[in-house]
PDB file of all heavy atoms in Angstrom:
ATOM      1  N   ARG A   1      -6.375 166.335 141.345  1.00  0.00           N
ATOM      2  CA  ARG A   1      -5.654 165.899 142.530  1.00  0.00           C
ATOM      3  C   ARG A   1      -5.043 164.530 142.291  1.00  0.00           C
ATOM      4  O   ARG A   1      -5.483 163.771 141.430  1.00  0.00           O
ATOM      5  CB  ARG A   1      -6.556 165.869 143.765  1.00  0.00           C
ATOM      6  CG  ARG A   1      -7.589 164.760 143.778  1.00  0.00           C
ATOM      7  CD  ARG A   1      -8.223 164.621 145.152  1.00  0.00           C
ATOM      8  NE  ARG A   1      -9.200 163.536 145.187  1.00  0.00           N
ATOM      9  CZ  ARG A   1     -10.512 163.700 145.068  1.00  0.00           C
ATOM     10  NH1 ARG A   1     -11.023 164.929 144.923  1.00  0.00           N
ATOM     11  NH2 ARG A   1     -11.316 162.656 145.108  1.00  0.00           N
ATOM     12  N   ILE A   2      -4.033 164.221 143.092  1.00  0.00           N
ATOM     13  CA  ILE A   2      -3.343 162.950 142.983  1.00  0.00           C
ATOM     14  C   ILE A   2      -2.919 162.499 144.370  1.00  0.00           C
ATOM     15  O   ILE A   2      -2.525 163.309 145.208  1.00  0.00           O
ATOM     16  CB  ILE A   2      -2.122 163.056 142.033  1.00  0.00           C
ATOM     17  CG1 ILE A   2      -1.491 161.687 141.792  1.00  0.00           C
ATOM     18  CG2 ILE A   2      -1.103 164.054 142.569  1.00  0.00           C
ATOM     19  CD1 ILE A   2      -0.457 161.698 140.666  1.00  0.00           C
ATOM     20  N   SER A   3      -3.018 161.205 144.614  1.00  0.00           N
ATOM     21  CA  SER A   3      -2.604 160.657 145.891  1.00  0.00           C
ATOM     22  C   SER A   3      -1.089 160.627 145.986  1.00  0.00           C
ATOM     23  O   SER A   3      -0.374 160.817 144.999  1.00  0.00           O
ATOM     24  CB  SER A   3      -3.176 159.249 146.071  1.00  0.00           C
ATOM     25  OG  SER A   3      -2.644 158.367 145.096  1.00  0.00           O
ATOM     26  N   TRP A   4      -0.590 160.383 147.183  1.00  0.00           N
ATOM     27  CA  TRP A   4       0.851 160.335 147.392  1.00  0.00           C
ATOM     28  C   TRP A   4       1.497 159.268 146.508  1.00  0.00           C
ATOM     29  O   TRP A   4       2.554 159.499 145.912  1.00  0.00           O
ATOM     30  CB  TRP A   4       1.160 160.057 148.865  1.00  0.00           C
ATOM     31  CG  TRP A   4       2.625 160.093 149.169  1.00  0.00           C
ATOM     32  CD1 TRP A   4       3.360 161.180 149.526  1.00  0.00           C
ATOM     33  CD2 TRP A   4       3.530 158.981 149.128  1.00  0.00           C
ATOM     34  NE1 TRP A   4       4.679 160.820 149.716  1.00  0.00           N
ATOM     35  CE2 TRP A   4       4.811 159.481 149.483  1.00  0.00           C
ATOM     36  CE3 TRP A   4       3.392 157.630 148.834  1.00  0.00           C
ATOM     37  CZ2 TRP A   4       5.932 158.660 149.544  1.00  0.00           C
ATOM     38  CZ3 TRP A   4       4.517 156.815 148.889  1.00  0.00           C
ATOM     39  CH2 TRP A   4       5.760 157.331 149.247  1.00  0.00           C
ATOM     40  N   SER A   5       0.882 158.114 146.423  1.00  0.00           N
ATOM     41  CA  SER A   5       1.434 157.020 145.642  1.00  0.00           C
ATOM     42  C   SER A   5       1.241 157.210 144.140  1.00  0.00           C
ATOM     43  O   SER A   5       1.919 156.563 143.345  1.00  0.00           O
ATOM     44  CB  SER A   5       0.796 155.698 146.062  1.00  0.00           C
ATOM     45  OG  SER A   5      -0.574 155.669 145.735  1.00  0.00           O
ATOM     46  N   GLY A   6       0.319 158.066 143.770  1.00  0.00           N
ATOM     47  CA  GLY A   6      -0.011 158.240 142.370  1.00  0.00           C
ATOM     48  C   GLY A   6      -1.054 157.271 141.861  1.00  0.00           C
ATOM     49  O   GLY A   6      -1.421 157.320 140.681  1.00  0.00           O
ATOM     50  N   ASP A   7      -1.538 156.409 142.727  1.00  0.00           N
ATOM     51  CA  ASP A   7      -2.511 155.401 142.318  1.00  0.00           C
ATOM     52  C   ASP A   7      -3.883 155.986 142.041  1.00  0.00           C
ATOM     53  O   ASP A   7      -4.656 155.416 141.263  1.00  0.00           O
ATOM     54  CB  ASP A   7      -2.645 154.323 143.399  1.00  0.00           C
ATOM     55  CG  ASP A   7      -1.397 153.480 143.547  1.00  0.00           C
ATOM     56  OD1 ASP A   7      -0.606 153.414 142.591  1.00  0.00           O
ATOM     57  OD2 ASP A   7      -1.221 152.877 144.622  1.00  0.00           O
ATOM     58  N   SER A   8      -4.191 157.094 142.676  1.00  0.00           N
ATOM     59  CA  SER A   8      -5.508 157.691 142.549  1.00  0.00           C
ATOM     60  C   SER A   8      -5.395 159.111 142.009  1.00  0.00           C
ATOM     61  O   SER A   8      -4.673 159.937 142.563  1.00  0.00           O
ATOM     62  CB  SER A   8      -6.214 157.696 143.904  1.00  0.00           C
ATOM     63  OG  SER A   8      -7.485 158.307 143.820  1.00  0.00           O
ATOM     64  N   VAL A   9      -6.102 159.372 140.927  1.00  0.00           N
ATOM     65  CA  VAL A   9      -6.160 160.715 140.352  1.00  0.00           C
ATOM     66  C   VAL A   9      -7.608 161.084 140.102  1.00  0.00           C
ATOM     67  O   VAL A   9      -8.470 160.221 139.907  1.00  0.00           O
ATOM     68  CB  VAL A   9      -5.354 160.820 139.043  1.00  0.00           C
ATOM     69  CG1 VAL A   9      -3.875 160.579 139.298  1.00  0.00           C
ATOM     70  CG2 VAL A   9      -5.872 159.824 138.008  1.00  0.00           C
ATOM     71  N   TYR A  10      -7.867 162.373 140.100  1.00  0.00           N
ATOM     72  CA  TYR A  10      -9.226 162.852 139.887  1.00  0.00           C
ATOM     73  C   TYR A  10      -9.152 164.208 139.221  1.00  0.00           C
ATOM     74  O   TYR A  10      -8.343 165.055 139.606  1.00  0.00           O
ATOM     75  CB  TYR A  10      -9.974 162.942 141.219  1.00  0.00           C
ATOM     76  CG  TYR A  10     -11.427 163.281 141.086  1.00  0.00           C
ATOM     77  CD1 TYR A  10     -12.353 162.302 140.755  1.00  0.00           C
ATOM     78  CD2 TYR A  10     -11.884 164.587 141.287  1.00  0.00           C
ATOM     79  CE1 TYR A  10     -13.695 162.608 140.630  1.00  0.00           C
ATOM     80  CE2 TYR A  10     -13.220 164.905 141.157  1.00  0.00           C
ATOM     81  CZ  TYR A  10     -14.123 163.912 140.832  1.00  0.00           C
ATOM     82  OH  TYR A  10     -15.451 164.214 140.707  1.00  0.00           O
ATOM     83  N   TYR A  11     -10.011 164.416 138.228  1.00  0.00           N
ATOM     84  CA  TYR A  11     -10.000 165.651 137.462  1.00  0.00           C
ATOM     85  C   TYR A  11     -11.363 166.315 137.448  1.00  0.00           C
ATOM     86  O   TYR A  11     -12.401 165.644 137.466  1.00  0.00           O
ATOM     87  CB  TYR A  11      -9.599 165.386 136.011  1.00  0.00           C
ATOM     88  CG  TYR A  11      -8.219 164.816 135.833  1.00  0.00           C
ATOM     89  CD1 TYR A  11      -8.017 163.440 135.740  1.00  0.00           C
ATOM     90  CD2 TYR A  11      -7.112 165.651 135.742  1.00  0.00           C
ATOM     91  CE1 TYR A  11      -6.758 162.919 135.569  1.00  0.00           C
ATOM     92  CE2 TYR A  11      -5.843 165.132 135.565  1.00  0.00           C
ATOM     93  CZ  TYR A  11      -5.672 163.765 135.480  1.00  0.00           C
ATOM     94  OH  TYR A  11      -4.406 163.251 135.308  1.00  0.00           O
ATOM     95  N   ALA A  12     -11.337 167.621 137.381  1.00  0.00           N
ATOM     96  CA  ALA A  12     -12.561 168.343 137.100  1.00  0.00           C
ATOM     97  C   ALA A  12     -13.009 168.004 135.683  1.00  0.00           C
ATOM     98  O   ALA A  12     -12.188 167.773 134.789  1.00  0.00           O
ATOM     99  CB  ALA A  12     -12.338 169.848 137.236  1.00  0.00           C
ATOM    100  N   ASP A  13     -14.314 167.979 135.478  1.00  0.00           N
ATOM    101  CA  ASP A  13     -14.840 167.630 134.163  1.00  0.00           C
ATOM    102  C   ASP A  13     -14.304 168.546 133.062  1.00  0.00           C
ATOM    103  O   ASP A  13     -14.090 168.110 131.928  1.00  0.00           O
ATOM    104  CB  ASP A  13     -16.367 167.689 134.168  1.00  0.00           C
ATOM    105  CG  ASP A  13     -16.996 166.559 134.958  1.00  0.00           C
ATOM    106  OD1 ASP A  13     -16.320 165.542 135.204  1.00  0.00           O
ATOM    107  OD2 ASP A  13     -18.176 166.692 135.328  1.00  0.00           O
ATOM    108  N   SER A  14     -14.067 169.780 133.397  1.00  0.00           N
ATOM    109  CA  SER A  14     -13.656 170.759 132.406  1.00  0.00           C
ATOM    110  C   SER A  14     -12.257 170.515 131.841  1.00  0.00           C
ATOM    111  O   SER A  14     -11.924 171.055 130.780  1.00  0.00           O
ATOM    112  CB  SER A  14     -13.725 172.170 132.997  1.00  0.00           C
ATOM    113  OG  SER A  14     -12.868 172.296 134.114  1.00  0.00           O
ATOM    114  N   VAL A  15     -11.458 169.708 132.522  1.00  0.00           N
ATOM    115  CA  VAL A  15     -10.083 169.486 132.072  1.00  0.00           C
ATOM    116  C   VAL A  15      -9.798 168.041 131.709  1.00  0.00           C
ATOM    117  O   VAL A  15      -8.682 167.734 131.263  1.00  0.00           O
ATOM    118  CB  VAL A  15      -9.064 169.967 133.126  1.00  0.00           C
ATOM    119  CG1 VAL A  15      -9.317 171.421 133.488  1.00  0.00           C
ATOM    120  CG2 VAL A  15      -9.104 169.080 134.369  1.00  0.00           C
ATOM    121  N   LYS A  16     -10.751 167.161 131.870  1.00  0.00           N
ATOM    122  CA  LYS A  16     -10.541 165.759 131.545  1.00  0.00           C
ATOM    123  C   LYS A  16     -10.153 165.592 130.081  1.00  0.00           C
ATOM    124  O   LYS A  16     -10.755 166.187 129.196  1.00  0.00           O
ATOM    125  CB  LYS A  16     -11.800 164.946 131.837  1.00  0.00           C
ATOM    126  CG  LYS A  16     -12.086 164.742 133.306  1.00  0.00           C
ATOM    127  CD  LYS A  16     -13.343 163.913 133.515  1.00  0.00           C
ATOM    128  CE  LYS A  16     -13.615 163.692 134.986  1.00  0.00           C
ATOM    129  NZ  LYS A  16     -14.866 162.934 135.203  1.00  0.00           N
ATOM    130  N   GLY A  17      -9.135 164.793 129.863  1.00  0.00           N
ATOM    131  CA  GLY A  17      -8.664 164.544 128.515  1.00  0.00           C
ATOM    132  C   GLY A  17      -7.651 165.550 128.022  1.00  0.00           C
ATOM    133  O   GLY A  17      -7.012 165.320 126.989  1.00  0.00           O
ATOM    134  N   ARG A  18      -7.497 166.655 128.724  1.00  0.00           N
ATOM    135  CA  ARG A  18      -6.553 167.693 128.316  1.00  0.00           C
ATOM    136  C   ARG A  18      -5.427 167.897 129.323  1.00  0.00           C
ATOM    137  O   ARG A  18      -4.296 168.196 128.938  1.00  0.00           O
ATOM    138  CB  ARG A  18      -7.269 169.019 128.096  1.00  0.00           C
ATOM    139  CG  ARG A  18      -8.313 168.984 126.990  1.00  0.00           C
ATOM    140  CD  ARG A  18      -8.827 170.377 126.666  1.00  0.00           C
ATOM    141  NE  ARG A  18      -9.484 170.999 127.817  1.00  0.00           N
ATOM    142  CZ  ARG A  18      -9.058 172.112 128.416  1.00  0.00           C
ATOM    143  NH1 ARG A  18      -7.972 172.745 127.968  1.00  0.00           N
ATOM    144  NH2 ARG A  18      -9.729 172.615 129.445  1.00  0.00           N
ATOM    145  N   PHE A  19      -5.744 167.770 130.596  1.00  0.00           N
ATOM    146  CA  PHE A  19      -4.763 167.981 131.659  1.00  0.00           C
ATOM    147  C   PHE A  19      -4.373 166.645 132.272  1.00  0.00           C
ATOM    148  O   PHE A  19      -5.202 165.734 132.379  1.00  0.00           O
ATOM    149  CB  PHE A  19      -5.324 168.879 132.757  1.00  0.00           C
ATOM    150  CG  PHE A  19      -5.527 170.321 132.371  1.00  0.00           C
ATOM    151  CD1 PHE A  19      -5.467 170.735 131.055  1.00  0.00           C
ATOM    152  CD2 PHE A  19      -5.781 171.260 133.359  1.00  0.00           C
ATOM    153  CE1 PHE A  19      -5.661 172.062 130.707  1.00  0.00           C
ATOM    154  CE2 PHE A  19      -5.975 172.591 133.025  1.00  0.00           C
ATOM    155  CZ  PHE A  19      -5.919 172.993 131.700  1.00  0.00           C
ATOM    156  N   THR A  20      -3.128 166.545 132.705  1.00  0.00           N
ATOM    157  CA  THR A  20      -2.639 165.349 133.374  1.00  0.00           C
ATOM    158  C   THR A  20      -1.858 165.744 134.616  1.00  0.00           C
ATOM    159  O   THR A  20      -0.905 166.517 134.534  1.00  0.00           O
ATOM    160  CB  THR A  20      -1.741 164.507 132.457  1.00  0.00           C
ATOM    161  OG1 THR A  20      -2.453 164.153 131.268  1.00  0.00           O
ATOM    162  CG2 THR A  20      -1.303 163.230 133.174  1.00  0.00           C
ATOM    163  N   ILE A  21      -2.265 165.213 135.746  1.00  0.00           N
ATOM    164  CA  ILE A  21      -1.560 165.473 136.988  1.00  0.00           C
ATOM    165  C   ILE A  21      -0.625 164.314 137.286  1.00  0.00           C
ATOM    166  O   ILE A  21      -0.941 163.152 137.025  1.00  0.00           O
ATOM    167  CB  ILE A  21      -2.551 165.705 138.152  1.00  0.00           C
ATOM    168  CG1 ILE A  21      -1.813 166.189 139.403  1.00  0.00           C
ATOM    169  CG2 ILE A  21      -3.368 164.456 138.442  1.00  0.00           C
ATOM    170  CD1 ILE A  21      -2.737 166.641 140.523  1.00  0.00           C
ATOM    171  N   SER A  22       0.531 164.622 137.822  1.00  0.00           N
ATOM    172  CA  SER A  22       1.497 163.596 138.167  1.00  0.00           C
ATOM    173  C   SER A  22       2.394 164.131 139.276  1.00  0.00           C
ATOM    174  O   SER A  22       2.332 165.302 139.642  1.00  0.00           O
ATOM    175  CB  SER A  22       2.324 163.177 136.951  1.00  0.00           C
ATOM    176  OG  SER A  22       3.085 164.266 136.454  1.00  0.00           O
ATOM    177  N   ARG A  23       3.235 163.260 139.802  1.00  0.00           N
ATOM    178  CA  ARG A  23       4.223 163.695 140.769  1.00  0.00           C
ATOM    179  C   ARG A  23       5.506 162.926 140.549  1.00  0.00           C
ATOM    180  O   ARG A  23       5.500 161.801 140.053  1.00  0.00           O
ATOM    181  CB  ARG A  23       3.704 163.562 142.202  1.00  0.00           C
ATOM    182  CG  ARG A  23       3.323 162.180 142.663  1.00  0.00           C
ATOM    183  CD  ARG A  23       2.438 162.253 143.901  1.00  0.00           C
ATOM    184  NE  ARG A  23       3.011 163.089 144.952  1.00  0.00           N
ATOM    185  CZ  ARG A  23       2.355 163.513 146.033  1.00  0.00           C
ATOM    186  NH1 ARG A  23       1.083 163.178 146.202  1.00  0.00           N
ATOM    187  NH2 ARG A  23       2.963 164.268 146.938  1.00  0.00           N
ATOM    188  N   GLY A  24       6.607 163.543 140.918  1.00  0.00           N
ATOM    189  CA  GLY A  24       7.906 162.949 140.699  1.00  0.00           C
ATOM    190  C   GLY A  24       8.127 161.727 141.545  1.00  0.00           C
ATOM    191  O   GLY A  24       7.427 161.481 142.530  1.00  0.00           O
ATOM    192  N   SER A  25       9.129 160.951 141.152  1.00  0.00           N
ATOM    193  CA  SER A  25       9.425 159.716 141.874  1.00  0.00           C
ATOM    194  C   SER A  25       9.837 159.972 143.313  1.00  0.00           C
ATOM    195  O   SER A  25       9.604 159.124 144.185  1.00  0.00           O
ATOM    196  CB  SER A  25      10.509 158.924 141.145  1.00  0.00           C
ATOM    197  OG  SER A  25      11.701 159.682 141.021  1.00  0.00           O
ATOM    198  N   ALA A  26      10.427 161.120 143.563  1.00  0.00           N
ATOM    199  CA  ALA A  26      10.829 161.477 144.920  1.00  0.00           C
ATOM    200  C   ALA A  26       9.667 161.976 145.763  1.00  0.00           C
ATOM    201  O   ALA A  26       9.815 162.176 146.962  1.00  0.00           O
ATOM    202  CB  ALA A  26      11.930 162.526 144.882  1.00  0.00           C
ATOM    203  N   LYS A  27       8.535 162.209 145.146  1.00  0.00           N
ATOM    204  CA  LYS A  27       7.283 162.602 145.798  1.00  0.00           C
ATOM    205  C   LYS A  27       7.307 164.011 146.375  1.00  0.00           C
ATOM    206  O   LYS A  27       6.386 164.392 147.091  1.00  0.00           O
ATOM    207  CB  LYS A  27       6.903 161.600 146.895  1.00  0.00           C
ATOM    208  CG  LYS A  27       6.899 160.145 146.452  1.00  0.00           C
ATOM    209  CD  LYS A  27       5.950 159.898 145.295  1.00  0.00           C
ATOM    210  CE  LYS A  27       5.947 158.430 144.892  1.00  0.00           C
ATOM    211  NZ  LYS A  27       5.105 158.184 143.694  1.00  0.00           N
ATOM    212  N   ASN A  28       8.337 164.768 146.080  1.00  0.00           N
ATOM    213  CA  ASN A  28       8.395 166.133 146.573  1.00  0.00           C
ATOM    214  C   ASN A  28       8.106 167.168 145.487  1.00  0.00           C
ATOM    215  O   ASN A  28       8.241 168.373 145.728  1.00  0.00           O
ATOM    216  CB  ASN A  28       9.749 166.411 147.217  1.00  0.00           C
ATOM    217  CG  ASN A  28      10.900 166.280 146.236  1.00  0.00           C
ATOM    218  OD1 ASN A  28      10.742 165.767 145.134  1.00  0.00           O
ATOM    219  ND2 ASN A  28      12.068 166.753 146.643  1.00  0.00           N
ATOM    220  N   THR A  29       7.723 166.702 144.329  1.00  0.00           N
ATOM    221  CA  THR A  29       7.388 167.587 143.227  1.00  0.00           C
ATOM    222  C   THR A  29       6.143 167.077 142.513  1.00  0.00           C
ATOM    223  O   THR A  29       6.030 165.882 142.243  1.00  0.00           O
ATOM    224  CB  THR A  29       8.534 167.703 142.221  1.00  0.00           C
ATOM    225  OG1 THR A  29       9.731 168.120 142.895  1.00  0.00           O
ATOM    226  CG2 THR A  29       8.210 168.720 141.143  1.00  0.00           C
TER     227      THR A  29
END
């Protein structure tokens, strides 16, 4: 998961180090 601002992210242990969550600058993607 990721916050609206992108300041806070959290991953399941099973994907840490392999997956990266992000969102576009427009915040709609």
